[in-house]
Amino acid sequence: MSDRRNNAHCTIPDDPDQSTYRFIIVAAKRARQLQAGARPFLPTSSKKPTIIAAEEVRRGLVKYELTGKIVPEELKPEPV
């Protein structure tokens, strides 16, 4: 298991898995919202949507919902 302190700068506070991949997906979707004209949740001097989005996600200001269901390999039906 990797040391979770190494990726603390790219995790979501309420994410029990501390998934860097999830952080990137949520931040990317938020950056697209900002590019489309959404207002930032934080006052910022940065004009870059990716920087703003990453900071918002890091602080837990962006709400997200997990979609799709992951089925463990042992529970998948066998092909017939």
N, C-alpha and C. Protein backbone atom coordinates (compact mmCIF):
# COMPACT_ATOMS: atom_id res chain seq x y z
N MET A 1 0.85 -1.18 0.00
CA MET A 1 0.00 0.00 0.00
C MET A 1 0.88 1.23 0.00
N SER A 2 0.57 2.21 -0.82
CA SER A 2 1.38 3.41 -0.91
C SER A 2 1.09 4.36 0.24
N ASP A 3 2.03 5.22 0.51
CA ASP A 3 1.88 6.20 1.57
C ASP A 3 0.91 7.28 1.11
N ARG A 4 -0.21 7.43 1.80
CA ARG A 4 -1.26 8.36 1.37
C ARG A 4 -0.87 9.81 1.58
N ARG A 5 0.15 10.07 2.38
CA ARG A 5 0.58 11.45 2.57
C ARG A 5 1.22 12.01 1.31
N ASN A 6 1.77 11.16 0.46
CA ASN A 6 2.42 11.61 -0.77
C ASN A 6 1.44 12.24 -1.74
N ASN A 7 0.20 11.79 -1.75
CA ASN A 7 -0.77 12.35 -2.68
C ASN A 7 -1.84 13.17 -1.97
N ALA A 8 -1.53 13.70 -0.80
CA ALA A 8 -2.50 14.48 -0.04
C ALA A 8 -2.92 15.74 -0.79
N HIS A 9 -2.06 16.24 -1.65
CA HIS A 9 -2.39 17.45 -2.40
C HIS A 9 -3.38 17.19 -3.53
N CYS A 10 -3.65 15.94 -3.84
CA CYS A 10 -4.59 15.63 -4.93
C CYS A 10 -5.60 14.57 -4.49
N THR A 11 -6.22 14.81 -3.33
CA THR A 11 -7.30 13.94 -2.86
C THR A 11 -8.48 14.78 -2.41
N ILE A 12 -9.63 14.16 -2.38
CA ILE A 12 -10.85 14.81 -1.95
C ILE A 12 -11.02 14.54 -0.45
N PRO A 13 -11.29 15.57 0.37
CA PRO A 13 -11.36 15.37 1.82
C PRO A 13 -12.32 14.28 2.28
N ASP A 14 -13.51 14.16 1.68
CA ASP A 14 -14.49 13.19 2.15
C ASP A 14 -14.44 11.86 1.39
N ASP A 15 -13.38 11.63 0.63
CA ASP A 15 -13.25 10.40 -0.14
C ASP A 15 -12.53 9.34 0.70
N PRO A 16 -13.25 8.29 1.13
CA PRO A 16 -12.62 7.28 1.98
C PRO A 16 -11.50 6.51 1.28
N ASP A 17 -11.56 6.41 -0.05
CA ASP A 17 -10.55 5.69 -0.81
C ASP A 17 -9.30 6.52 -1.10
N GLN A 18 -9.40 7.85 -0.89
CA GLN A 18 -8.30 8.77 -1.21
C GLN A 18 -7.82 8.55 -2.64
N SER A 19 -8.77 8.48 -3.57
CA SER A 19 -8.48 8.18 -4.96
C SER A 19 -7.99 9.42 -5.72
N THR A 20 -6.76 9.35 -6.21
CA THR A 20 -6.21 10.42 -7.04
C THR A 20 -6.98 10.50 -8.35
N TYR A 21 -7.35 9.35 -8.91
CA TYR A 21 -8.10 9.30 -10.15
C TYR A 21 -9.43 10.03 -9.99
N ARG A 22 -10.13 9.80 -8.88
CA ARG A 22 -11.41 10.47 -8.63
C ARG A 22 -11.21 11.98 -8.51
N PHE A 23 -10.14 12.39 -7.83
CA PHE A 23 -9.83 13.81 -7.70
C PHE A 23 -9.67 14.45 -9.08
N ILE A 24 -8.95 13.79 -9.96
CA ILE A 24 -8.70 14.34 -11.29
C ILE A 24 -9.99 14.46 -12.09
N ILE A 25 -10.84 13.44 -12.02
CA ILE A 25 -12.11 13.46 -12.76
C ILE A 25 -13.02 14.57 -12.25
N VAL A 26 -13.15 14.69 -10.93
CA VAL A 26 -14.02 15.72 -10.34
C VAL A 26 -13.47 17.11 -10.67
N ALA A 27 -12.17 17.30 -10.55
CA ALA A 27 -11.56 18.60 -10.84
C ALA A 27 -11.71 18.95 -12.32
N ALA A 28 -11.57 17.98 -13.20
CA ALA A 28 -11.71 18.23 -14.63
C ALA A 28 -13.14 18.65 -14.98
N LYS A 29 -14.11 17.98 -14.38
CA LYS A 29 -15.51 18.36 -14.64
C LYS A 29 -15.81 19.75 -14.10
N ARG A 30 -15.26 20.07 -12.93
CA ARG A 30 -15.45 21.41 -12.37
C ARG A 30 -14.77 22.47 -13.24
N ALA A 31 -13.59 22.16 -13.76
CA ALA A 31 -12.89 23.10 -14.64
C ALA A 31 -13.71 23.38 -15.89
N ARG A 32 -14.36 22.35 -16.42
CA ARG A 32 -15.22 22.56 -17.59
C ARG A 32 -16.40 23.47 -17.25
N GLN A 33 -16.96 23.30 -16.05
CA GLN A 33 -18.04 24.18 -15.61
C GLN A 33 -17.55 25.63 -15.53
N LEU A 34 -16.37 25.83 -14.98
CA LEU A 34 -15.81 27.17 -14.87
C LEU A 34 -15.55 27.77 -16.25
N GLN A 35 -15.05 26.96 -17.18
CA GLN A 35 -14.81 27.43 -18.54
C GLN A 35 -16.12 27.82 -19.22
N ALA A 36 -17.20 27.16 -18.86
CA ALA A 36 -18.50 27.44 -19.46
C ALA A 36 -19.19 28.64 -18.81
N GLY A 37 -18.55 29.25 -17.80
CA GLY A 37 -19.11 30.46 -17.21
C GLY A 37 -19.57 30.35 -15.77
N ALA A 38 -19.43 29.19 -15.14
CA ALA A 38 -19.81 29.06 -13.73
C ALA A 38 -18.91 29.95 -12.87
N ARG A 39 -19.46 30.42 -11.78
CA ARG A 39 -18.69 31.28 -10.87
C ARG A 39 -17.89 30.42 -9.90
N PRO A 40 -16.68 30.83 -9.60
CA PRO A 40 -15.87 30.08 -8.62
C PRO A 40 -16.47 30.16 -7.22
N PHE A 41 -16.27 29.12 -6.44
CA PHE A 41 -16.74 29.09 -5.06
C PHE A 41 -15.82 29.89 -4.14
N LEU A 42 -14.58 30.12 -4.57
CA LEU A 42 -13.59 30.83 -3.78
C LEU A 42 -13.15 32.12 -4.46
N PRO A 43 -12.84 33.15 -3.69
CA PRO A 43 -12.20 34.31 -4.32
C PRO A 43 -10.78 33.89 -4.70
N THR A 44 -10.36 34.23 -5.89
CA THR A 44 -9.05 33.79 -6.36
C THR A 44 -8.43 34.83 -7.26
N SER A 45 -7.12 34.82 -7.31
CA SER A 45 -6.42 35.71 -8.22
C SER A 45 -6.07 34.98 -9.51
N SER A 46 -6.22 33.66 -9.52
CA SER A 46 -5.90 32.87 -10.70
C SER A 46 -7.01 32.98 -11.74
N LYS A 47 -6.61 33.00 -12.98
CA LYS A 47 -7.57 33.01 -14.08
C LYS A 47 -7.70 31.63 -14.72
N LYS A 48 -6.89 30.69 -14.27
CA LYS A 48 -6.88 29.36 -14.87
C LYS A 48 -7.94 28.47 -14.24
N PRO A 49 -8.90 27.99 -15.02
CA PRO A 49 -9.97 27.14 -14.49
C PRO A 49 -9.46 25.87 -13.82
N THR A 50 -8.37 25.30 -14.33
CA THR A 50 -7.86 24.06 -13.74
C THR A 50 -7.30 24.29 -12.34
N ILE A 51 -6.63 25.42 -12.13
CA ILE A 51 -6.07 25.74 -10.82
C ILE A 51 -7.20 26.01 -9.82
N ILE A 52 -8.19 26.78 -10.27
CA ILE A 52 -9.34 27.10 -9.41
C ILE A 52 -10.09 25.83 -9.04
N ALA A 53 -10.35 24.98 -10.03
CA ALA A 53 -11.10 23.74 -9.80
C ALA A 53 -10.35 22.81 -8.85
N ALA A 54 -9.05 22.67 -9.03
CA ALA A 54 -8.27 21.80 -8.15
C ALA A 54 -8.34 22.28 -6.71
N GLU A 55 -8.25 23.58 -6.49
CA GLU A 55 -8.30 24.11 -5.13
C GLU A 55 -9.69 23.92 -4.52
N GLU A 56 -10.73 24.12 -5.32
CA GLU A 56 -12.10 23.91 -4.82
C GLU A 56 -12.32 22.46 -4.41
N VAL A 57 -11.84 21.53 -5.23
CA VAL A 57 -12.00 20.11 -4.92
C VAL A 57 -11.16 19.75 -3.69
N ARG A 58 -9.94 20.25 -3.62
CA ARG A 58 -9.05 19.98 -2.48
C ARG A 58 -9.67 20.43 -1.17
N ARG A 59 -10.42 21.54 -1.21
CA ARG A 59 -11.06 22.05 0.01
C ARG A 59 -12.43 21.42 0.28
N GLY A 60 -12.89 20.55 -0.61
CA GLY A 60 -14.16 19.87 -0.39
C GLY A 60 -15.38 20.70 -0.74
N LEU A 61 -15.22 21.70 -1.60
CA LEU A 61 -16.33 22.58 -1.96
C LEU A 61 -17.15 22.07 -3.14
N VAL A 62 -16.64 21.09 -3.85
CA VAL A 62 -17.33 20.55 -5.02
C VAL A 62 -18.02 19.25 -4.63
N LYS A 63 -19.31 19.20 -4.83
CA LYS A 63 -20.08 17.99 -4.52
C LYS A 63 -20.07 17.08 -5.74
N TYR A 64 -19.96 15.80 -5.51
CA TYR A 64 -19.97 14.83 -6.59
C TYR A 64 -20.74 13.60 -6.15
N GLU A 65 -21.13 12.81 -7.12
CA GLU A 65 -21.89 11.60 -6.84
C GLU A 65 -21.26 10.46 -7.63
N LEU A 66 -21.05 9.34 -6.98
CA LEU A 66 -20.51 8.18 -7.66
C LEU A 66 -21.62 7.54 -8.49
N THR A 67 -21.31 7.25 -9.73
CA THR A 67 -22.29 6.60 -10.59
C THR A 67 -21.73 5.25 -11.03
N GLY A 68 -22.60 4.39 -11.45
CA GLY A 68 -22.16 3.07 -11.88
C GLY A 68 -21.88 2.19 -10.69
N LYS A 69 -21.97 0.93 -10.89
CA LYS A 69 -21.76 -0.01 -9.81
C LYS A 69 -20.60 -0.92 -10.20
N ILE A 70 -19.62 -1.01 -9.34
CA ILE A 70 -18.47 -1.87 -9.60
C ILE A 70 -18.76 -3.23 -8.98
N VAL A 71 -18.73 -4.24 -9.81
CA VAL A 71 -19.00 -5.59 -9.34
C VAL A 71 -17.68 -6.32 -9.20
N PRO A 72 -17.38 -6.85 -8.01
CA PRO A 72 -16.14 -7.61 -7.84
C PRO A 72 -16.08 -8.79 -8.79
N GLU A 73 -14.88 -9.15 -9.18
CA GLU A 73 -14.67 -10.23 -10.17
C GLU A 73 -15.35 -11.53 -9.77
N GLU A 74 -15.32 -11.87 -8.48
CA GLU A 74 -15.91 -13.14 -8.05
C GLU A 74 -17.43 -13.15 -8.12
N LEU A 75 -18.06 -11.99 -8.22
CA LEU A 75 -19.53 -11.93 -8.29
C LEU A 75 -20.05 -11.81 -9.71
N LYS A 76 -19.16 -11.63 -10.68
CA LYS A 76 -19.60 -11.51 -12.08
C LYS A 76 -20.06 -12.87 -12.58
N PRO A 77 -21.16 -12.88 -13.34
CA PRO A 77 -21.64 -14.17 -13.88
C PRO A 77 -20.66 -14.71 -14.94
N GLU A 78 -20.57 -16.02 -15.00
CA GLU A 78 -19.70 -16.64 -15.99
C GLU A 78 -20.39 -16.64 -17.34
N PRO A 79 -19.62 -16.38 -18.43
CA PRO A 79 -20.23 -16.44 -19.76
C PRO A 79 -20.65 -17.87 -20.10
N VAL A 80 -21.75 -17.98 -20.81
CA VAL A 80 -22.28 -19.30 -21.15
C VAL A 80 -21.88 -19.70 -22.54
